[in-house]
Amino acid sequence: MIAGWRVEAEGRRVRPGGGAKVSVTSGVDWFDLRADVDFGGLSASLPELLAALRAQRNWVTLGDGTLGLLPEEWLRRNELLAGMGQTGGERIRFQRGQLVLLDALLHAEPDVKCDAAFKRAREALARFTGAVPLDPPRSFVGSLRPYQREGLGWLKSLQELGFGGCLADDMGLGKTVQVLALLDGRRAGRHGPSLVVVPRSLLFNWQDEAARFTPSSPFSTTPARPAAG
């Protein structure tokens, strides 16, 4: 019923859209968004609504064959950001690095059911005010230049937010040293093992740098170099 009227189109009842049930669950490095809009006791998922909108329809077919009028205002508010995720079945998947987008999408929703991992990620994002330069851990041998301290602070911020990043500058300015300082701090903080993937041609350079700057770490052991010839 719409304002007391029973509305039909092409012999099928038309139902107005109501409230939405929104939830977020976490995976290894992604978040799955699910949103179901109520149509008088029946529901349709957000991917279904977005598909109808993109097909330039203002309705979606519900489970009993009736038509659900798209909640256009709600969709306009969420279409752009929701479209940046990857649709699969009844959920939309966002990568960990898209946390800011997902947080913005959920900002206007009054009641969102989130798991503990996503709550922690949102809280970390809310606390973040910008990267600050950091000194290396005490176990690190040597000192960092000012721009390297800024790089270390940026890497630490990415780690705390669970984001990926790309540290790039000219060759010889100490990217390896900054990453070693970060990994040495992770080791001191009793994190799990860290994996460094590098081309074979750089393997011994990394091991030499580790032996020089982080001699107490297990990844500083340099194996015998292969014999020439």
Protein backbone atom coordinates (compact mmCIF):
# COMPACT_ATOMS: atom_id res chain seq x y z
CA MET A 1 0.00 0.00 0.00
CA ILE A 2 1.25 3.48 -0.89
CA ALA A 3 -0.46 6.26 1.11
CA GLY A 4 -3.50 4.00 1.50
CA TRP A 5 -3.61 3.02 -2.16
CA ARG A 6 -2.92 -0.36 -3.69
CA VAL A 7 -0.77 0.38 -6.73
CA GLU A 8 -0.32 -2.07 -9.60
CA ALA A 9 1.71 -1.95 -12.80
CA GLU A 10 1.17 -4.42 -15.61
CA GLY A 11 -1.00 -6.48 -13.28
CA ARG A 12 1.63 -6.69 -10.55
CA ARG A 13 1.52 -5.05 -7.15
CA VAL A 14 4.00 -2.25 -6.53
CA ARG A 15 5.64 -1.98 -3.12
CA PRO A 16 7.43 1.12 -1.81
CA GLY A 17 10.94 0.83 -0.40
CA GLY A 18 11.47 1.13 3.33
CA GLY A 19 14.44 0.94 5.65
CA ALA A 20 17.69 -0.86 4.95
CA LYS A 21 19.55 -3.46 6.98
CA VAL A 22 23.28 -2.90 6.51
CA SER A 23 26.13 -5.12 7.73
CA VAL A 24 29.88 -5.41 7.19
CA THR A 25 32.02 -8.50 7.70
CA SER A 26 35.80 -8.75 7.40
CA GLY A 27 38.09 -11.12 5.52
CA VAL A 28 41.86 -11.45 5.27
CA ASP A 29 42.31 -8.12 3.48
CA TRP A 30 38.80 -7.12 2.47
CA PHE A 31 35.42 -6.04 3.82
CA ASP A 32 32.10 -7.39 2.56
CA LEU A 33 29.15 -4.98 2.56
CA ARG A 34 25.62 -6.35 2.60
CA ALA A 35 22.53 -4.13 2.47
CA ASP A 36 18.95 -5.33 2.15
CA VAL A 37 16.11 -2.84 1.57
CA ASP A 38 12.68 -3.74 2.94
CA PHE A 39 9.65 -3.67 0.65
CA GLY A 40 6.74 -4.40 2.95
CA GLY A 41 7.98 -7.72 4.24
CA LEU A 42 10.08 -8.64 1.20
CA SER A 43 13.61 -7.47 0.58
CA ALA A 44 16.11 -6.86 -2.22
CA SER A 45 19.89 -6.68 -1.94
CA LEU A 46 21.96 -3.62 -2.76
CA PRO A 47 23.56 -5.30 -5.84
CA GLU A 48 20.04 -5.98 -7.19
CA LEU A 49 19.03 -2.36 -6.69
CA LEU A 50 22.19 -1.03 -8.31
CA ALA A 51 21.72 -3.37 -11.28
CA ALA A 52 18.17 -2.09 -11.77
CA LEU A 53 19.34 1.50 -11.50
CA ARG A 54 22.05 0.96 -14.11
CA ALA A 55 19.46 -0.62 -16.40
CA GLN A 56 17.49 2.65 -16.05
CA ARG A 57 14.62 0.96 -14.23
CA ASN A 58 12.97 2.51 -11.21
CA TRP A 59 11.79 -0.85 -9.91
CA VAL A 60 13.14 -4.28 -8.98
CA THR A 61 11.31 -7.61 -9.17
CA LEU A 62 10.81 -9.10 -5.71
CA GLY A 63 10.65 -12.73 -4.67
CA ASP A 64 6.87 -13.05 -5.03
CA GLY A 65 6.80 -11.37 -8.44
CA THR A 66 5.67 -7.98 -7.17
CA LEU A 67 7.60 -4.82 -7.99
CA GLY A 68 9.64 -2.81 -5.52
CA LEU A 69 10.02 0.90 -6.19
CA LEU A 70 13.67 1.88 -5.90
CA PRO A 71 14.42 4.16 -2.94
CA GLU A 72 15.96 6.76 -5.23
CA GLU A 73 17.17 9.16 -2.54
CA TRP A 74 18.94 6.35 -0.66
CA LEU A 75 20.47 5.01 -3.86
CA ARG A 76 21.66 8.43 -4.99
CA ARG A 77 23.45 8.79 -1.69
CA ASN A 78 25.16 5.41 -1.98
CA GLU A 79 25.42 4.54 -5.67
CA LEU A 80 28.77 6.17 -6.44
CA LEU A 81 30.69 4.75 -3.49
CA ALA A 82 28.99 1.35 -3.61
CA GLY A 83 29.90 1.12 -7.28
CA MET A 84 33.59 1.28 -6.39
CA GLY A 85 33.40 -2.14 -4.75
CA GLN A 86 33.36 -5.53 -6.46
CA THR A 87 29.90 -7.07 -6.67
CA GLY A 88 29.53 -10.79 -6.07
CA GLY A 89 26.21 -12.43 -5.26
CA GLU A 90 24.42 -10.42 -2.58
CA ARG A 91 27.48 -8.59 -1.27
CA ILE A 92 29.84 -5.85 -2.43
CA ARG A 93 33.52 -6.40 -1.58
CA PHE A 94 35.89 -3.57 -0.72
CA GLN A 95 39.65 -4.03 -0.45
CA ARG A 96 41.36 -3.02 2.78
CA GLY A 97 42.79 0.07 1.09
CA GLN A 98 39.22 1.22 0.34
CA LEU A 99 38.38 1.56 4.02
CA VAL A 100 37.99 5.34 3.67
CA LEU A 101 35.39 4.86 0.89
CA LEU A 102 33.43 2.28 2.86
CA ASP A 103 33.54 4.42 5.99
CA ALA A 104 32.15 7.38 4.02
CA LEU A 105 29.39 5.19 2.55
CA LEU A 106 28.31 4.02 5.99
CA HIS A 107 28.57 7.43 7.62
CA ALA A 108 24.93 8.36 6.92
CA GLU A 109 23.50 4.96 7.88
CA PRO A 110 21.83 5.08 11.31
CA ASP A 111 22.27 1.41 12.22
CA VAL A 112 25.06 -0.69 10.76
CA LYS A 113 25.99 -4.14 12.07
CA CYS A 114 29.78 -4.55 11.94
CA ASP A 115 32.10 -7.30 13.09
CA ALA A 116 34.92 -6.63 15.55
CA ALA A 117 37.67 -6.41 12.91
CA PHE A 118 35.86 -3.73 10.92
CA LYS A 119 35.09 -1.76 14.10
CA ARG A 120 38.80 -1.74 14.97
CA ALA A 121 39.68 -0.58 11.46
CA ARG A 122 37.16 2.30 11.63
CA GLU A 123 38.42 3.31 15.08
CA ALA A 124 42.03 3.35 13.82
CA LEU A 125 40.95 5.47 10.86
CA ALA A 126 39.10 7.90 13.16
CA ARG A 127 42.21 8.31 15.32
CA PHE A 128 44.53 8.90 12.38
CA THR A 129 45.52 12.56 12.00
CA GLY A 130 48.52 12.12 9.72
CA ALA A 131 51.88 10.39 9.63
CA VAL A 132 54.58 11.72 11.95
CA PRO A 133 58.37 11.17 11.66
CA LEU A 134 59.65 8.28 13.74
CA ASP A 135 63.00 7.21 15.13
CA PRO A 136 64.05 3.61 14.48
CA PRO A 137 63.80 1.06 17.32
CA ARG A 138 66.64 0.79 19.82
CA SER A 139 67.84 -2.47 18.28
CA PHE A 140 68.45 -0.63 14.99
CA VAL A 141 72.14 0.23 14.48
CA GLY A 142 72.62 3.67 13.01
CA SER A 143 70.44 6.72 12.51
CA LEU A 144 67.95 7.87 9.90
CA ARG A 145 68.01 11.10 7.96
CA PRO A 146 65.01 13.41 8.43
CA TYR A 147 63.30 12.31 5.22
CA GLN A 148 63.91 8.66 6.19
CA ARG A 149 62.25 9.28 9.57
CA GLU A 150 59.28 10.71 7.67
CA GLY A 151 59.24 7.60 5.47
CA LEU A 152 59.34 5.32 8.51
CA GLY A 153 56.45 7.22 10.10
CA TRP A 154 54.43 6.87 6.92
CA LEU A 155 55.13 3.14 6.70
CA LYS A 156 54.16 2.71 10.36
CA SER A 157 50.87 4.53 9.74
CA LEU A 158 50.08 2.26 6.79
CA GLN A 159 50.83 -0.75 8.97
CA GLU A 160 48.51 0.40 11.74
CA LEU A 161 45.69 1.11 9.27
CA GLY A 162 46.27 -2.15 7.44
CA PHE A 163 46.90 -0.39 4.13
CA GLY A 164 49.41 -1.19 1.42
CA GLY A 165 51.76 1.42 0.06
CA CYS A 166 54.55 2.16 -2.37
CA LEU A 167 57.76 3.76 -1.08
CA ALA A 168 59.49 5.26 -4.08
CA ASP A 169 62.33 7.73 -4.54
CA ASP A 170 65.67 7.95 -6.34
CA MET A 171 68.08 5.05 -6.02
CA GLY A 172 70.51 5.22 -3.13
CA LEU A 173 68.32 7.30 -0.77
CA GLY A 174 67.71 4.49 1.70
CA LYS A 175 64.39 2.75 0.97
CA THR A 176 65.86 -0.56 2.13
CA VAL A 177 67.02 1.00 5.40
CA GLN A 178 63.56 2.47 6.07
CA VAL A 179 61.88 -0.89 5.51
CA LEU A 180 64.47 -2.64 7.71
CA ALA A 181 63.73 -0.15 10.49
CA LEU A 182 60.02 -0.93 10.15
CA LEU A 183 60.60 -4.70 10.18
CA ASP A 184 62.95 -4.43 13.17
CA GLY A 185 60.22 -2.57 15.04
CA ARG A 186 57.69 -5.26 14.12
CA ARG A 187 60.04 -7.92 15.46
CA ALA A 188 60.47 -6.04 18.73
CA GLY A 189 56.69 -5.74 18.97
CA ARG A 190 56.34 -9.50 18.69
CA HIS A 191 54.46 -9.45 15.41
CA GLY A 192 54.44 -12.55 13.26
CA PRO A 193 57.13 -13.29 10.67
CA SER A 194 57.72 -10.76 7.89
CA LEU A 195 58.33 -11.81 4.31
CA VAL A 196 60.54 -9.75 1.99
CA VAL A 197 60.17 -10.56 -1.71
CA VAL A 198 62.96 -9.12 -3.88
CA PRO A 199 64.60 -9.96 -7.20
CA ARG A 200 67.42 -12.47 -6.85
CA SER A 201 69.90 -9.81 -7.92
CA LEU A 202 69.08 -7.79 -4.79
CA LEU A 203 69.05 -10.66 -2.30
CA PHE A 204 72.60 -10.23 -1.03
CA ASN A 205 72.24 -6.45 -0.89
CA TRP A 206 69.28 -6.87 1.45
CA GLN A 207 71.14 -9.39 3.56
CA ASP A 208 74.20 -7.12 3.78
CA GLU A 209 72.03 -4.15 4.80
CA ALA A 210 70.21 -6.28 7.38
CA ALA A 211 73.52 -7.47 8.86
CA ARG A 212 74.70 -3.86 9.10
CA PHE A 213 71.62 -2.11 10.48
CA THR A 214 69.71 -4.90 12.25
CA PRO A 215 72.39 -7.40 13.36
CA SER A 216 70.20 -8.84 16.14
CA SER A 217 67.42 -9.83 13.75
CA PRO A 218 67.13 -13.36 12.33
CA PHE A 219 66.98 -12.03 8.76
CA SER A 220 70.45 -10.49 9.05
CA THR A 221 72.27 -13.81 8.59
CA THR A 222 74.09 -13.79 5.28
CA PRO A 223 74.59 -17.19 3.64
CA ALA A 224 77.70 -18.01 1.69
CA ARG A 225 77.71 -16.37 -1.70
CA PRO A 226 77.81 -18.68 -4.70
CA ALA A 227 81.26 -19.22 -6.16
CA ALA A 228 82.09 -17.36 -9.33
CA GLY A 229 82.52 -19.24 -12.54
